[in-house]
């Protein structure tokens, strides 16, 4: 018997990860190249759904609200 797991993300986010070679305080703030940037979907419910899939649960879905520019990303 398969179990359907549903997670809810009411406010999903777009997580951005920046990579810098050297962290110098007050130098080159807010200037990053596209090569130094990783963007992926986030939010507690969404990340939980991804983790359930990684734990070999076959029936996992995520529901929530998305709209506007962020909604296009998802």
PDB file of N, CA and C in Angstrom:
ATOM      1  N   UNK A   1       0.844  -1.187   0.000  1.00  0.00           N
ATOM      2  CA  UNK A   1       0.000   0.000   0.000  1.00  0.00           C
ATOM      3  C   UNK A   1       0.884   1.243   0.000  1.00  0.00           C
ATOM      4  N   UNK A   2       0.709   2.077  -1.009  1.00  0.00           N
ATOM      5  CA  UNK A   2       1.472   3.317  -1.082  1.00  0.00           C
ATOM      6  C   UNK A   2       0.816   4.396  -0.234  1.00  0.00           C
ATOM      7  N   UNK A   3       1.639   5.187   0.386  1.00  0.00           N
ATOM      8  CA  UNK A   3       1.160   6.287   1.211  1.00  0.00           C
ATOM      9  C   UNK A   3       1.398   7.587   0.456  1.00  0.00           C
ATOM     10  N   UNK A   4       0.361   8.413   0.361  1.00  0.00           N
ATOM     11  CA  UNK A   4       0.503   9.728  -0.272  1.00  0.00           C
ATOM     12  C   UNK A   4       0.839  10.743   0.810  1.00  0.00           C
ATOM     13  N   UNK A   5       1.977  11.397   0.661  1.00  0.00           N
ATOM     14  CA  UNK A   5       2.404  12.436   1.602  1.00  0.00           C
ATOM     15  C   UNK A   5       2.223  13.776   0.921  1.00  0.00           C
ATOM     16  N   UNK A   6       1.497  14.673   1.576  1.00  0.00           N
ATOM     17  CA  UNK A   6       1.269  16.014   1.054  1.00  0.00           C
ATOM     18  C   UNK A   6       1.890  17.021   2.007  1.00  0.00           C
ATOM     19  N   UNK A   7       2.751  17.881   1.481  1.00  0.00           N
ATOM     20  CA  UNK A   7       3.310  18.959   2.286  1.00  0.00           C
ATOM     21  C   UNK A   7       2.732  20.271   1.777  1.00  0.00           C
ATOM     22  N   UNK A   8       2.667  21.247   2.650  1.00  0.00           N
ATOM     23  CA  UNK A   8       2.075  22.535   2.317  1.00  0.00           C
ATOM     24  C   UNK A   8       3.125  23.630   2.519  1.00  0.00           C
ATOM     25  N   UNK A   9       3.328  24.431   1.486  1.00  0.00           N
ATOM     26  CA  UNK A   9       4.221  25.585   1.568  1.00  0.00           C
ATOM     27  C   UNK A   9       3.398  26.820   1.242  1.00  0.00           C
ATOM     28  N   UNK A  10       2.991  27.547   2.272  1.00  0.00           N
ATOM     29  CA  UNK A  10       2.153  28.720   2.043  1.00  0.00           C
ATOM     30  C   UNK A  10       2.938  29.895   1.480  1.00  0.00           C
ATOM     31  N   UNK A  11       4.207  29.969   1.827  1.00  0.00           N
ATOM     32  CA  UNK A  11       5.028  31.071   1.306  1.00  0.00           C
ATOM     33  C   UNK A  11       6.365  30.518   0.804  1.00  0.00           C
ATOM     34  N   UNK A  12       6.360  29.921  -0.403  1.00  0.00           N
ATOM     35  CA  UNK A  12       7.617  29.391  -0.934  1.00  0.00           C
ATOM     36  C   UNK A  12       8.611  30.511  -1.195  1.00  0.00           C
ATOM     37  N   UNK A  13       9.853  30.144  -1.213  1.00  0.00           N
ATOM     38  CA  UNK A  13      10.892  31.153  -1.414  1.00  0.00           C
ATOM     39  C   UNK A  13      11.836  30.719  -2.530  1.00  0.00           C
ATOM     40  N   UNK A  14      12.592  31.664  -3.008  1.00  0.00           N
ATOM     41  CA  UNK A  14      13.661  31.377  -3.952  1.00  0.00           C
ATOM     42  C   UNK A  14      14.957  31.623  -3.203  1.00  0.00           C
ATOM     43  N   UNK A  15      15.692  30.549  -2.952  1.00  0.00           N
ATOM     44  CA  UNK A  15      16.940  30.650  -2.205  1.00  0.00           C
ATOM     45  C   UNK A  15      18.081  30.936  -3.162  1.00  0.00           C
ATOM     46  N   UNK A  16      18.944  31.836  -2.751  1.00  0.00           N
ATOM     47  CA  UNK A  16      20.117  32.192  -3.554  1.00  0.00           C
ATOM     48  C   UNK A  16      21.369  31.937  -2.729  1.00  0.00           C
ATOM     49  N   UNK A  17      22.320  31.287  -3.358  1.00  0.00           N
ATOM     50  CA  UNK A  17      23.575  30.973  -2.699  1.00  0.00           C
ATOM     51  C   UNK A  17      24.698  31.626  -3.496  1.00  0.00           C
ATOM     52  N   UNK A  18      25.479  32.460  -2.832  1.00  0.00           N
ATOM     53  CA  UNK A  18      26.582  33.160  -3.481  1.00  0.00           C
ATOM     54  C   UNK A  18      27.902  32.551  -3.035  1.00  0.00           C
ATOM     55  N   UNK A  19      28.819  32.427  -3.963  1.00  0.00           N
ATOM     56  CA  UNK A  19      30.130  31.877  -3.657  1.00  0.00           C
ATOM     57  C   UNK A  19      31.181  32.941  -3.931  1.00  0.00           C
ATOM     58  N   UNK A  20      32.010  33.192  -2.936  1.00  0.00           N
ATOM     59  CA  UNK A  20      33.091  34.167  -3.090  1.00  0.00           C
ATOM     60  C   UNK A  20      34.413  33.491  -2.743  1.00  0.00           C
ATOM     61  N   UNK A  21      35.467  33.939  -3.396  1.00  0.00           N
ATOM     62  CA  UNK A  21      36.778  33.347  -3.137  1.00  0.00           C
ATOM     63  C   UNK A  21      37.338  33.799  -1.788  1.00  0.00           C
ATOM     64  N   UNK A  22      37.169  35.092  -1.511  1.00  0.00           N
ATOM     65  CA  UNK A  22      37.727  35.646  -0.283  1.00  0.00           C
ATOM     66  C   UNK A  22      36.725  36.635   0.279  1.00  0.00           C
ATOM     67  N   UNK A  23      36.458  36.543   1.553  1.00  0.00           N
ATOM     68  CA  UNK A  23      35.492  37.429   2.192  1.00  0.00           C
ATOM     69  C   UNK A  23      36.225  38.635   2.770  1.00  0.00           C
ATOM     70  N   UNK A  24      36.107  39.759   2.085  1.00  0.00           N
ATOM     71  CA  UNK A  24      36.721  40.992   2.563  1.00  0.00           C
ATOM     72  C   UNK A  24      35.614  41.940   2.995  1.00  0.00           C
ATOM     73  N   UNK A  25      35.651  42.350   4.242  1.00  0.00           N
ATOM     74  CA  UNK A  25      34.610  43.199   4.808  1.00  0.00           C
ATOM     75  C   UNK A  25      34.590  44.546   4.098  1.00  0.00           C
ATOM     76  N   UNK A  26      33.386  44.985   3.712  1.00  0.00           N
ATOM     77  CA  UNK A  26      33.129  46.279   3.080  1.00  0.00           C
ATOM     78  C   UNK A  26      33.806  46.434   1.712  1.00  0.00           C
ATOM     79  N   UNK A  27      34.144  45.345   1.052  1.00  0.00           N
ATOM     80  CA  UNK A  27      34.726  45.441  -0.279  1.00  0.00           C
ATOM     81  C   UNK A  27      33.897  44.583  -1.232  1.00  0.00           C
ATOM     82  N   UNK A  28      33.550  45.145  -2.382  1.00  0.00           N
ATOM     83  CA  UNK A  28      32.781  44.452  -3.410  1.00  0.00           C
ATOM     84  C   UNK A  28      31.455  43.911  -2.876  1.00  0.00           C
ATOM     85  N   UNK A  29      30.790  44.676  -2.042  1.00  0.00           N
ATOM     86  CA  UNK A  29      29.494  44.234  -1.533  1.00  0.00           C
ATOM     87  C   UNK A  29      28.458  44.233  -2.639  1.00  0.00           C
ATOM     88  N   UNK A  30      27.616  43.229  -2.648  1.00  0.00           N
ATOM     89  CA  UNK A  30      26.478  43.120  -3.553  1.00  0.00           C
ATOM     90  C   UNK A  30      26.870  43.025  -5.025  1.00  0.00           C
ATOM     91  N   UNK A  31      28.107  42.682  -5.324  1.00  0.00           N
ATOM     92  CA  UNK A  31      28.526  42.509  -6.709  1.00  0.00           C
ATOM     93  C   UNK A  31      28.946  41.053  -6.883  1.00  0.00           C
ATOM     94  N   UNK A  32      28.130  40.300  -7.615  1.00  0.00           N
ATOM     95  CA  UNK A  32      28.408  38.892  -7.820  1.00  0.00           C
ATOM     96  C   UNK A  32      28.223  38.557  -9.284  1.00  0.00           C
ATOM     97  N   UNK A  33      28.992  37.643  -9.773  1.00  0.00           N
ATOM     98  CA  UNK A  33      28.851  37.148 -11.132  1.00  0.00           C
ATOM     99  C   UNK A  33      27.815  36.035 -11.159  1.00  0.00           C
ATOM    100  N   UNK A  34      27.262  35.794 -12.339  1.00  0.00           N
ATOM    101  CA  UNK A  34      26.300  34.707 -12.475  1.00  0.00           C
ATOM    102  C   UNK A  34      26.955  33.351 -12.242  1.00  0.00           C
ATOM    103  N   UNK A  35      28.256  33.253 -12.465  1.00  0.00           N
ATOM    104  CA  UNK A  35      28.950  31.991 -12.216  1.00  0.00           C
ATOM    105  C   UNK A  35      29.032  31.702 -10.716  1.00  0.00           C
ATOM    106  N   UNK A  36      28.962  32.742  -9.906  1.00  0.00           N
ATOM    107  CA  UNK A  36      29.092  32.589  -8.461  1.00  0.00           C
ATOM    108  C   UNK A  36      27.743  32.447  -7.765  1.00  0.00           C
ATOM    109  N   UNK A  37      26.687  32.196  -8.518  1.00  0.00           N
ATOM    110  CA  UNK A  37      25.337  32.212  -7.972  1.00  0.00           C
ATOM    111  C   UNK A  37      24.623  30.898  -8.243  1.00  0.00           C
ATOM    112  N   UNK A  38      23.991  30.353  -7.203  1.00  0.00           N
ATOM    113  CA  UNK A  38      23.168  29.153  -7.356  1.00  0.00           C
ATOM    114  C   UNK A  38      21.769  29.498  -6.847  1.00  0.00           C
ATOM    115  N   UNK A  39      20.752  29.273  -7.671  1.00  0.00           N
ATOM    116  CA  UNK A  39      19.375  29.605  -7.318  1.00  0.00           C
ATOM    117  C   UNK A  39      18.551  28.334  -7.320  1.00  0.00           C
ATOM    118  N   UNK A  40      17.750  28.122  -6.266  1.00  0.00           N
ATOM    119  CA  UNK A  40      16.903  26.943  -6.184  1.00  0.00           C
ATOM    120  C   UNK A  40      15.665  27.250  -5.354  1.00  0.00           C
ATOM    121  N   UNK A  41      14.585  26.494  -5.557  1.00  0.00           N
ATOM    122  CA  UNK A  41      13.356  26.734  -4.798  1.00  0.00           C
ATOM    123  C   UNK A  41      13.528  26.331  -3.343  1.00  0.00           C
ATOM    124  N   UNK A  42      12.821  27.028  -2.457  1.00  0.00           N
ATOM    125  CA  UNK A  42      12.926  26.737  -1.039  1.00  0.00           C
ATOM    126  C   UNK A  42      11.611  26.929  -0.321  1.00  0.00           C
ATOM    127  N   UNK A  43      11.627  26.751   0.957  1.00  0.00           N
ATOM    128  CA  UNK A  43      10.447  26.799   1.802  1.00  0.00           C
ATOM    129  C   UNK A  43      10.365  25.491   2.570  1.00  0.00           C
ATOM    130  N   UNK A  44       9.884  25.549   3.796  1.00  0.00           N
ATOM    131  CA  UNK A  44       9.890  24.350   4.646  1.00  0.00           C
ATOM    132  C   UNK A  44       9.144  23.174   4.034  1.00  0.00           C
ATOM    133  N   UNK A  45       7.949  23.409   3.537  1.00  0.00           N
ATOM    134  CA  UNK A  45       7.162  22.312   2.975  1.00  0.00           C
ATOM    135  C   UNK A  45       7.795  21.728   1.736  1.00  0.00           C
ATOM    136  N   UNK A  46       8.337  22.578   0.886  1.00  0.00           N
ATOM    137  CA  UNK A  46       8.962  22.114  -0.351  1.00  0.00           C
ATOM    138  C   UNK A  46      10.220  21.303  -0.052  1.00  0.00           C
ATOM    139  N   UNK A  47      11.037  21.781   0.856  1.00  0.00           N
ATOM    140  CA  UNK A  47      12.240  21.049   1.220  1.00  0.00           C
ATOM    141  C   UNK A  47      11.900  19.731   1.907  1.00  0.00           C
ATOM    142  N   UNK A  48      10.824  19.704   2.685  1.00  0.00           N
ATOM    143  CA  UNK A  48      10.384  18.448   3.296  1.00  0.00           C
ATOM    144  C   UNK A  48       9.956  17.449   2.234  1.00  0.00           C
ATOM    145  N   UNK A  49       9.239  17.920   1.210  1.00  0.00           N
ATOM    146  CA  UNK A  49       8.814  17.032   0.123  1.00  0.00           C
ATOM    147  C   UNK A  49      10.032  16.458  -0.606  1.00  0.00           C
ATOM    148  N   UNK A  50      11.033  17.280  -0.844  1.00  0.00           N
ATOM    149  CA  UNK A  50      12.249  16.801  -1.498  1.00  0.00           C
ATOM    150  C   UNK A  50      12.936  15.752  -0.642  1.00  0.00           C
ATOM    151  N   UNK A  51      12.994  15.982   0.669  1.00  0.00           N
ATOM    152  CA  UNK A  51      13.628  15.011   1.567  1.00  0.00           C
ATOM    153  C   UNK A  51      12.848  13.704   1.626  1.00  0.00           C
ATOM    154  N   UNK A  52      11.518  13.765   1.605  1.00  0.00           N
ATOM    155  CA  UNK A  52      10.722  12.538   1.575  1.00  0.00           C
ATOM    156  C   UNK A  52      11.017  11.731   0.319  1.00  0.00           C
ATOM    157  N   UNK A  53      11.145  12.422  -0.818  1.00  0.00           N
ATOM    158  CA  UNK A  53      11.479  11.722  -2.066  1.00  0.00           C
ATOM    159  C   UNK A  53      12.857  11.074  -1.970  1.00  0.00           C
ATOM    160  N   UNK A  54      13.795  11.763  -1.345  1.00  0.00           N
ATOM    161  CA  UNK A  54      15.142  11.197  -1.172  1.00  0.00           C
ATOM    162  C   UNK A  54      15.144  10.008  -0.225  1.00  0.00           C
ATOM    163  N   UNK A  55      14.136   9.923   0.639  1.00  0.00           N
ATOM    164  CA  UNK A  55      14.004   8.780   1.554  1.00  0.00           C
ATOM    165  C   UNK A  55      13.216   7.639   0.921  1.00  0.00           C
ATOM    166  N   UNK A  56      12.976   7.701  -0.382  1.00  0.00           N
ATOM    167  CA  UNK A  56      12.348   6.641  -1.177  1.00  0.00           C
ATOM    168  C   UNK A  56      10.834   6.556  -1.024  1.00  0.00           C
ATOM    169  N   UNK A  57      10.182   7.598  -0.563  1.00  0.00           N
ATOM    170  CA  UNK A  57       8.724   7.644  -0.606  1.00  0.00           C
ATOM    171  C   UNK A  57       8.332   7.967  -2.047  1.00  0.00           C
ATOM    172  N   UNK A  58       7.454   7.160  -2.630  1.00  0.00           N
ATOM    173  CA  UNK A  58       7.148   7.335  -4.051  1.00  0.00           C
ATOM    174  C   UNK A  58       6.045   8.352  -4.305  1.00  0.00           C
ATOM    175  N   UNK A  59       5.101   8.491  -3.403  1.00  0.00           N
ATOM    176  CA  UNK A  59       3.958   9.381  -3.605  1.00  0.00           C
ATOM    177  C   UNK A  59       4.093  10.612  -2.709  1.00  0.00           C
ATOM    178  N   UNK A  60       4.718  11.653  -3.219  1.00  0.00           N
ATOM    179  CA  UNK A  60       4.911  12.889  -2.462  1.00  0.00           C
ATOM    180  C   UNK A  60       4.467  14.051  -3.344  1.00  0.00           C
ATOM    181  N   UNK A  61       3.691  14.961  -2.757  1.00  0.00           N
ATOM    182  CA  UNK A  61       3.289  16.159  -3.483  1.00  0.00           C
ATOM    183  C   UNK A  61       3.390  17.362  -2.564  1.00  0.00           C
ATOM    184  N   UNK A  62       3.532  18.525  -3.163  1.00  0.00           N
ATOM    185  CA  UNK A  62       3.596  19.767  -2.410  1.00  0.00           C
ATOM    186  C   UNK A  62       2.544  20.709  -2.958  1.00  0.00           C
ATOM    187  N   UNK A  63       1.815  21.355  -2.060  1.00  0.00           N
ATOM    188  CA  UNK A  63       0.823  22.339  -2.475  1.00  0.00           C
ATOM    189  C   UNK A  63       1.126  23.658  -1.774  1.00  0.00           C
ATOM    190  N   UNK A  64       0.645  24.743  -2.350  1.00  0.00           N
ATOM    191  CA  UNK A  64       0.867  26.048  -1.751  1.00  0.00           C
ATOM    192  C   UNK A  64       0.468  27.147  -2.712  1.00  0.00           C
ATOM    193  N   UNK A  65       0.877  28.343  -2.394  1.00  0.00           N
ATOM    194  CA  UNK A  65       0.528  29.510  -3.187  1.00  0.00           C
ATOM    195  C   UNK A  65       1.773  30.065  -3.859  1.00  0.00           C
ATOM    196  N   UNK A  66       1.671  30.301  -5.156  1.00  0.00           N
ATOM    197  CA  UNK A  66       2.729  31.006  -5.873  1.00  0.00           C
ATOM    198  C   UNK A  66       2.068  31.963  -6.842  1.00  0.00           C
ATOM    199  N   UNK A  67       2.694  33.069  -7.054  1.00  0.00           N
ATOM    200  CA  UNK A  67       2.133  34.039  -7.979  1.00  0.00           C
ATOM    201  C   UNK A  67       3.173  35.044  -8.401  1.00  0.00           C
ATOM    202  N   UNK A  68       2.841  35.796  -9.411  1.00  0.00           N
ATOM    203  CA  UNK A  68       3.725  36.851  -9.885  1.00  0.00           C
ATOM    204  C   UNK A  68       5.019  36.320 -10.458  1.00  0.00           C
ATOM    205  N   UNK A  69       6.059  37.078 -10.296  1.00  0.00           N
ATOM    206  CA  UNK A  69       7.359  36.722 -10.842  1.00  0.00           C
ATOM    207  C   UNK A  69       7.908  35.443 -10.202  1.00  0.00           C
ATOM    208  N   UNK A  70       7.722  35.312  -8.880  1.00  0.00           N
ATOM    209  CA  UNK A  70       8.184  34.107  -8.188  1.00  0.00           C
ATOM    210  C   UNK A  70       7.429  32.881  -8.676  1.00  0.00           C
ATOM    211  N   UNK A  71       6.155  33.012  -8.954  1.00  0.00           N
ATOM    212  CA  UNK A  71       5.346  31.887  -9.403  1.00  0.00           C
ATOM    213  C   UNK A  71       5.861  31.311 -10.709  1.00  0.00           C
ATOM    214  N   UNK A  72       6.412  32.146 -11.575  1.00  0.00           N
ATOM    215  CA  UNK A  72       6.958  31.678 -12.839  1.00  0.00           C
ATOM    216  C   UNK A  72       8.183  30.787 -12.618  1.00  0.00           C
ATOM    217  N   UNK A  73       8.927  31.058 -11.549  1.00  0.00           N
ATOM    218  CA  UNK A  73      10.119  30.261 -11.233  1.00  0.00           C
ATOM    219  C   UNK A  73       9.735  28.841 -10.850  1.00  0.00           C
ATOM    220  N   UNK A  74       8.632  28.707 -10.112  1.00  0.00           N
ATOM    221  CA  UNK A  74       8.225  27.391  -9.633  1.00  0.00           C
ATOM    222  C   UNK A  74       7.524  26.629 -10.723  1.00  0.00           C
TER     223      UNK A  74
END
